[in-house]
Amino acid sequence: MSDSVRTNIFIAHTPLQNFIASKIVKQYFNDSGINNMLYTTVAWKNKEHFNSYHFINKNSFFSKTVNTYMAKKEIGRILKSRPCNLFIPHTSALLDNYFFYSFPREKYGVRINFYYEGILYFYEYHEPFIPKVHLKRKWFALLCGFVYKRNPTIFPEDSSGIYKIYSILPEFTIGPAEKITKVSILEEDYIGKENCALIIGGKPKALDNSEMISLYELMIQKILSNKRIDKIYFKGHHADQTTNFEDANKGLLKVDDITQNSPVEEVIARYKPSLVVSYPSSALVSLKSMYEDKIEISSYYIDEKKEHLNKLWPIFEKLQIQLTLI
């Protein structure tokens, strides 16, 4: 049966997943006769491409349990009632795990599609086993009426049960080439402000505080060398409690701290920097794919720990993301 007569149901858990889902709909399922539905645990403003939008509120134990159960029940009812394409980013989250491993999708002709969720699409990632997290998932799953099935390979790219894989970089995406479909996230109309820079901070687990301070010092020097920049924003990680940036800055830059639990894509759309400096991460891959040369992206890392970048380095080279090792 053609995809054009199927209902498309997207399950999302992060702002990036909301964003990618909307791009897939816009590029492949934007005809008026197609029913596109989004179920997400993160509120999303730009939902005009979806016929229906369902926010799964997880603010408390009670709301998470009830709303996840109701979403499972409602999605299941739809899948049983009509031909559907189901889109999930991985099999780790509760709903994704249920519909991939437990729901009788073959019986109802449901096509399972995976869509881009960062670097785990580029290599055989194995989710580490954390007892506390696993027990929590098992407990919530039981409350929602199913048994959570743990598989460390949360992107089972070689599974015969996968219909298509949507990725922003097909050439780096693992899985059967005939199943991989490119989704463009290019923002063609972006115009950055020449006087504006964004520092993306945080603390990778592999780096100690002194190493992170050294990276920040290079980022600061990069900004100081550009005389046009007089508006600087710092977006740290909301879980980072260190003073590494303050220790490196020492008042050299006047910075607006906009650290919050918001995606960097949303921050860039709001403040429109022309320069982004950061340590290497898969977020920079997304940014480069979105803005290409409209934003200058410079990243910094410790030379003796560069083996941590083995998965990212080929992609950085392909996209021409600047990387300085110290």
Protein backbone atom coordinates (compact mmCIF):
# COMPACT_ATOMS: atom_id res chain seq x y z
CA MET A 1 0.00 0.00 0.00
CA SER A 2 1.29 3.45 -0.91
CA ASP A 3 2.57 5.72 1.88
CA SER A 4 0.26 8.44 0.53
CA VAL A 5 -2.83 6.70 1.92
CA ARG A 6 -1.34 5.77 5.28
CA THR A 7 -1.62 7.65 8.55
CA ASN A 8 1.79 8.77 9.84
CA ILE A 9 2.35 8.69 13.60
CA PHE A 10 5.54 10.24 15.00
CA ILE A 11 6.69 9.58 18.57
CA ALA A 12 9.21 12.16 19.85
CA HIS A 13 10.99 12.85 23.14
CA THR A 14 13.34 15.78 22.43
CA PRO A 15 13.18 19.13 20.62
CA LEU A 16 15.52 17.74 17.92
CA GLN A 17 13.16 14.84 17.31
CA ASN A 18 10.20 17.24 17.02
CA PHE A 19 12.21 19.27 14.53
CA ILE A 20 13.28 16.28 12.40
CA ALA A 21 9.73 14.89 12.41
CA SER A 22 8.37 18.19 11.07
CA LYS A 23 11.01 18.21 8.33
CA ILE A 24 10.10 14.66 7.26
CA VAL A 25 6.44 15.61 7.02
CA LYS A 26 7.19 18.79 5.07
CA GLN A 27 9.41 16.98 2.56
CA TYR A 28 7.62 13.66 2.10
CA PHE A 29 4.08 13.73 3.51
CA ASN A 30 2.77 17.25 2.95
CA ASP A 31 -0.14 16.40 0.64
CA SER A 32 -3.54 17.48 1.92
CA GLY A 33 -4.87 13.93 1.96
CA ILE A 34 -2.21 12.57 4.33
CA ASN A 35 -2.92 12.44 8.07
CA ASN A 36 0.21 13.28 10.10
CA MET A 37 0.13 12.93 13.89
CA LEU A 38 2.75 13.89 16.49
CA TYR A 39 2.93 12.44 20.01
CA THR A 40 5.68 14.16 21.95
CA THR A 41 6.90 14.56 25.53
CA VAL A 42 8.38 17.98 24.71
CA ALA A 43 6.05 20.88 23.90
CA TRP A 44 6.44 22.04 20.30
CA LYS A 45 5.32 25.37 18.89
CA ASN A 46 5.97 24.76 15.18
CA LYS A 47 3.37 22.06 14.67
CA GLU A 48 1.59 23.44 11.62
CA HIS A 49 2.63 20.45 9.46
CA PHE A 50 0.74 18.00 11.68
CA ASN A 51 -2.98 17.32 11.46
CA SER A 52 -3.03 16.48 15.15
CA TYR A 53 -0.62 17.17 17.99
CA HIS A 54 -0.56 15.36 21.33
CA PHE A 55 1.61 16.53 24.21
CA ILE A 56 2.43 13.75 26.69
CA ASN A 57 2.86 15.62 29.97
CA LYS A 58 5.41 13.96 32.28
CA ASN A 59 5.71 16.60 35.01
CA SER A 60 5.03 14.14 37.81
CA PHE A 61 5.03 10.40 38.49
CA PHE A 62 1.26 10.33 38.20
CA SER A 63 1.05 12.36 34.97
CA LYS A 64 3.88 10.39 33.35
CA THR A 65 2.21 7.08 34.12
CA VAL A 66 -1.32 8.08 33.13
CA ASN A 67 -0.40 10.07 30.02
CA THR A 68 2.06 7.46 28.73
CA TYR A 69 -0.56 4.75 29.24
CA MET A 70 -3.22 6.82 27.46
CA ALA A 71 -0.87 7.58 24.55
CA LYS A 72 -0.01 3.87 24.25
CA LYS A 73 -3.69 2.98 24.22
CA GLU A 74 -4.66 5.68 21.73
CA ILE A 75 -1.78 5.00 19.31
CA GLY A 76 -2.50 1.27 19.51
CA ARG A 77 -6.15 1.85 18.67
CA ILE A 78 -5.21 3.92 15.60
CA LEU A 79 -2.66 1.35 14.42
CA LYS A 80 -5.30 -1.36 14.59
CA SER A 81 -7.92 0.68 12.76
CA ARG A 82 -6.13 1.76 9.57
CA PRO A 83 -2.87 1.40 7.56
CA CYS A 84 -0.16 3.34 9.39
CA ASN A 85 3.48 4.36 9.25
CA LEU A 86 4.98 4.63 12.75
CA PHE A 87 8.10 6.76 13.22
CA ILE A 88 10.39 6.33 16.26
CA PRO A 89 13.95 7.58 16.91
CA HIS A 90 15.19 4.53 18.87
CA THR A 91 13.91 1.67 21.04
CA SER A 92 15.03 2.94 24.44
CA ALA A 93 12.02 5.05 25.46
CA LEU A 94 8.87 3.38 26.79
CA LEU A 95 6.45 3.91 23.91
CA ASP A 96 9.08 3.20 21.26
CA ASN A 97 10.09 0.01 23.06
CA TYR A 98 6.50 -1.20 23.30
CA PHE A 99 5.57 -0.59 19.67
CA PHE A 100 8.81 -2.08 18.32
CA TYR A 101 9.04 -5.18 20.50
CA SER A 102 5.55 -5.94 21.87
CA PHE A 103 2.86 -4.53 19.61
CA PRO A 104 1.68 -7.03 16.91
CA ARG A 105 2.61 -4.68 14.06
CA GLU A 106 2.85 -7.39 11.40
CA LYS A 107 -0.72 -8.47 12.14
CA TYR A 108 -1.97 -4.94 11.47
CA GLY A 109 0.42 -4.07 8.63
CA VAL A 110 2.20 -1.31 10.55
CA ARG A 111 5.39 -0.03 8.94
CA ILE A 112 8.08 0.94 11.44
CA ASN A 113 10.39 3.80 10.42
CA PHE A 114 13.35 5.20 12.36
CA TYR A 115 14.33 8.86 12.17
CA TYR A 116 17.54 10.67 13.03
CA GLU A 117 18.60 10.92 16.68
CA GLY A 118 22.16 12.16 16.59
CA ILE A 119 25.42 10.28 16.41
CA LEU A 120 23.99 6.88 17.39
CA TYR A 121 22.84 6.58 13.74
CA PHE A 122 26.47 6.66 12.58
CA TYR A 123 27.95 3.67 14.43
CA GLU A 124 26.91 0.56 16.36
CA TYR A 125 26.06 2.27 19.62
CA HIS A 126 25.34 0.13 22.68
CA GLU A 127 23.40 1.78 25.48
CA PRO A 128 25.17 1.19 28.81
CA PHE A 129 23.33 -0.78 31.46
CA ILE A 130 22.48 1.43 34.44
CA PRO A 131 20.51 -0.64 36.98
CA LYS A 132 18.58 2.30 38.44
CA VAL A 133 17.48 3.51 35.00
CA HIS A 134 16.58 0.02 33.81
CA LEU A 135 14.51 -0.77 36.92
CA LYS A 136 12.69 2.53 36.56
CA ARG A 137 11.81 1.73 32.94
CA LYS A 138 10.66 -1.77 33.87
CA TRP A 139 8.47 -0.38 36.64
CA PHE A 140 6.87 2.31 34.49
CA ALA A 141 6.30 -0.18 31.68
CA LEU A 142 4.45 -2.55 34.01
CA LEU A 143 2.26 0.32 35.17
CA CYS A 144 1.52 1.05 31.52
CA GLY A 145 0.55 -2.55 30.84
CA PHE A 146 3.55 -4.15 29.11
CA VAL A 147 6.97 -5.67 29.72
CA TYR A 148 9.95 -3.48 28.83
CA LYS A 149 12.46 -5.40 26.71
CA ARG A 150 16.03 -4.25 27.08
CA ASN A 151 18.33 -4.40 24.09
CA PRO A 152 21.55 -2.36 24.27
CA THR A 153 21.35 -1.82 20.50
CA ILE A 154 18.70 0.89 20.58
CA PHE A 155 19.09 1.61 16.87
CA PRO A 156 18.68 -1.91 15.41
CA GLU A 157 19.54 -0.76 11.90
CA ASP A 158 19.75 -4.28 10.44
CA SER A 159 16.32 -5.40 11.69
CA SER A 160 14.00 -6.76 9.01
CA GLY A 161 11.19 -4.99 10.85
CA ILE A 162 12.42 -1.55 9.79
CA TYR A 163 10.74 -0.13 6.68
CA LYS A 164 12.80 3.07 6.24
CA ILE A 165 15.51 5.02 8.04
CA TYR A 166 15.38 8.81 7.74
CA SER A 167 18.73 10.53 8.31
CA ILE A 168 20.29 13.94 7.71
CA LEU A 169 23.54 12.27 6.53
CA PRO A 170 22.80 9.05 4.64
CA GLU A 171 26.45 8.58 3.65
CA PHE A 172 27.42 8.11 7.31
CA THR A 173 24.29 6.30 8.48
CA ILE A 174 24.57 2.58 9.21
CA GLY A 175 21.95 0.20 7.87
CA PRO A 176 20.87 -1.10 4.45
CA ALA A 177 21.45 1.62 1.87
CA GLU A 178 18.15 0.89 0.13
CA LYS A 179 16.24 1.74 3.33
CA ILE A 180 17.99 5.02 4.10
CA THR A 181 16.20 8.20 3.05
CA LYS A 182 17.73 11.66 3.28
CA VAL A 183 15.91 14.36 5.18
CA SER A 184 17.23 17.87 4.68
CA ILE A 185 17.22 20.22 7.66
CA LEU A 186 18.75 23.15 5.79
CA GLU A 187 17.46 26.54 6.91
CA GLU A 188 17.85 28.50 3.68
CA ASP A 189 16.57 31.85 4.94
CA TYR A 190 18.86 32.19 7.96
CA ILE A 191 20.78 35.47 8.24
CA GLY A 192 23.14 35.70 11.20
CA LYS A 193 24.05 38.93 12.96
CA GLU A 194 27.69 39.77 12.26
CA ASN A 195 28.15 41.22 15.74
CA CYS A 196 26.74 38.19 17.56
CA ALA A 197 28.48 35.05 18.86
CA LEU A 198 27.30 32.03 20.83
CA ILE A 199 29.42 29.95 23.21
CA ILE A 200 28.06 26.45 23.76
CA GLY A 201 29.35 25.22 27.10
CA GLY A 202 29.08 22.30 29.42
CA LYS A 203 31.49 19.60 30.54
CA PRO A 204 32.08 16.36 28.62
CA LYS A 205 32.64 13.45 30.99
CA ALA A 206 36.06 12.72 29.48
CA LEU A 207 37.46 16.14 30.37
CA ASP A 208 38.47 17.48 33.77
CA ASN A 209 37.88 21.06 34.91
CA SER A 210 41.35 22.34 33.99
CA GLU A 211 41.01 20.93 30.47
CA MET A 212 37.61 22.52 30.04
CA ILE A 213 38.99 25.86 31.22
CA SER A 214 41.72 25.59 28.57
CA LEU A 215 39.09 25.04 25.88
CA TYR A 216 37.05 28.01 27.08
CA GLU A 217 40.17 30.20 26.95
CA LEU A 218 40.61 29.36 23.27
CA MET A 219 36.94 30.06 22.56
CA ILE A 220 37.26 33.43 24.28
CA GLN A 221 40.37 34.30 22.25
CA LYS A 222 38.55 33.34 19.06
CA ILE A 223 35.78 35.82 19.87
CA LEU A 224 38.19 38.56 20.97
CA SER A 225 40.01 38.26 17.64
CA ASN A 226 36.84 39.26 15.78
CA LYS A 227 36.47 42.99 16.36
CA ARG A 228 32.96 43.08 14.91
CA ILE A 229 31.52 40.94 17.69
CA ASP A 230 30.09 42.88 20.63
CA LYS A 231 27.12 40.70 21.57
CA ILE A 232 28.01 37.37 23.14
CA TYR A 233 25.72 34.70 24.55
CA PHE A 234 26.75 31.76 26.71
CA LYS A 235 24.60 28.65 26.70
CA GLY A 236 25.92 26.19 29.24
CA HIS A 237 24.47 22.79 30.02
CA HIS A 238 21.71 23.03 32.61
CA ALA A 239 23.27 20.13 34.56
CA ASP A 240 26.77 21.62 34.66
CA GLN A 241 27.42 23.11 38.11
CA THR A 242 31.07 24.07 37.56
CA THR A 243 32.46 27.61 37.31
CA ASN A 244 34.82 26.66 34.48
CA PHE A 245 33.64 29.35 32.11
CA GLU A 246 33.84 32.09 34.73
CA ASP A 247 37.33 30.90 35.70
CA ALA A 248 38.43 31.08 32.07
CA ASN A 249 36.72 34.36 31.20
CA LYS A 250 37.91 36.48 34.16
CA GLY A 251 35.84 39.39 32.91
CA LEU A 252 37.39 39.45 29.42
CA LEU A 253 34.03 39.14 27.70
CA LYS A 254 30.73 40.70 28.63
CA VAL A 255 28.40 37.75 28.27
CA ASP A 256 24.65 37.20 28.53
CA ASP A 257 24.13 33.83 30.21
CA ILE A 258 21.19 32.12 28.50
CA THR A 259 21.75 28.69 30.02
CA GLN A 260 18.45 26.86 29.99
CA ASN A 261 17.04 23.49 29.13
CA SER A 262 16.33 24.51 25.54
CA PRO A 263 17.77 23.08 22.32
CA VAL A 264 20.64 24.95 20.76
CA GLU A 265 18.66 25.10 17.48
CA GLU A 266 15.99 27.14 19.27
CA VAL A 267 18.61 29.43 20.80
CA ILE A 268 20.19 30.11 17.42
CA ALA A 269 16.84 30.87 15.81
CA ARG A 270 16.19 33.39 18.58
CA TYR A 271 19.56 35.17 18.84
CA LYS A 272 20.92 34.62 15.30
CA PRO A 273 24.69 34.40 15.91
CA SER A 274 27.15 34.41 12.99
CA LEU A 275 29.79 32.58 15.07
CA VAL A 276 29.41 29.51 17.30
CA VAL A 277 32.28 28.16 19.44
CA SER A 278 32.07 24.90 21.37
CA TYR A 279 33.68 21.59 22.20
CA PRO A 280 32.96 18.86 19.57
CA SER A 281 29.53 17.24 19.76
CA SER A 282 26.84 15.81 17.50
CA ALA A 283 24.92 19.07 18.04
CA LEU A 284 27.47 20.78 15.80
CA VAL A 285 26.73 18.23 13.07
CA SER A 286 23.07 19.24 13.19
CA LEU A 287 23.93 22.94 13.19
CA LYS A 288 26.27 22.63 10.21
CA SER A 289 23.63 20.65 8.32
CA MET A 290 21.06 23.33 9.12
CA TYR A 291 23.07 26.49 8.45
CA GLU A 292 26.08 25.38 6.35
CA ASP A 293 28.33 28.44 5.86
CA LYS A 294 25.77 30.91 7.19
CA ILE A 295 27.32 30.34 10.62
CA GLU A 296 31.03 29.94 11.33
CA ILE A 297 31.48 26.97 13.69
CA SER A 298 34.74 26.44 15.58
CA SER A 299 35.33 23.60 18.03
CA TYR A 300 38.17 22.79 20.44
CA TYR A 301 39.40 19.65 22.16
CA ILE A 302 42.36 18.14 24.02
CA ASP A 303 44.86 16.53 21.65
CA GLU A 304 45.82 13.63 23.93
CA LYS A 305 42.15 12.66 24.21
CA LYS A 306 41.31 12.94 20.52
CA GLU A 307 40.50 9.21 20.34
CA HIS A 308 37.15 10.18 21.88
CA LEU A 309 36.36 11.88 18.57
CA ASN A 310 36.91 8.85 16.34
CA LYS A 311 33.23 8.65 15.44
CA LEU A 312 32.78 12.39 14.90
CA TRP A 313 36.04 13.24 13.15
CA PRO A 314 35.18 11.91 9.64
CA ILE A 315 31.86 13.75 9.78
CA PHE A 316 33.53 16.97 10.90
CA GLU A 317 35.95 16.66 7.98
CA LYS A 318 33.13 16.04 5.49
CA LEU A 319 31.09 19.01 6.74
CA GLN A 320 34.21 21.17 7.17
CA ILE A 321 33.60 21.92 10.83
CA GLN A 322 36.69 23.55 12.28
CA LEU A 323 38.42 21.54 15.01
CA THR A 324 41.45 22.78 16.94
CA LEU A 325 43.36 20.33 19.15
CA ILE A 326 45.45 21.64 22.04
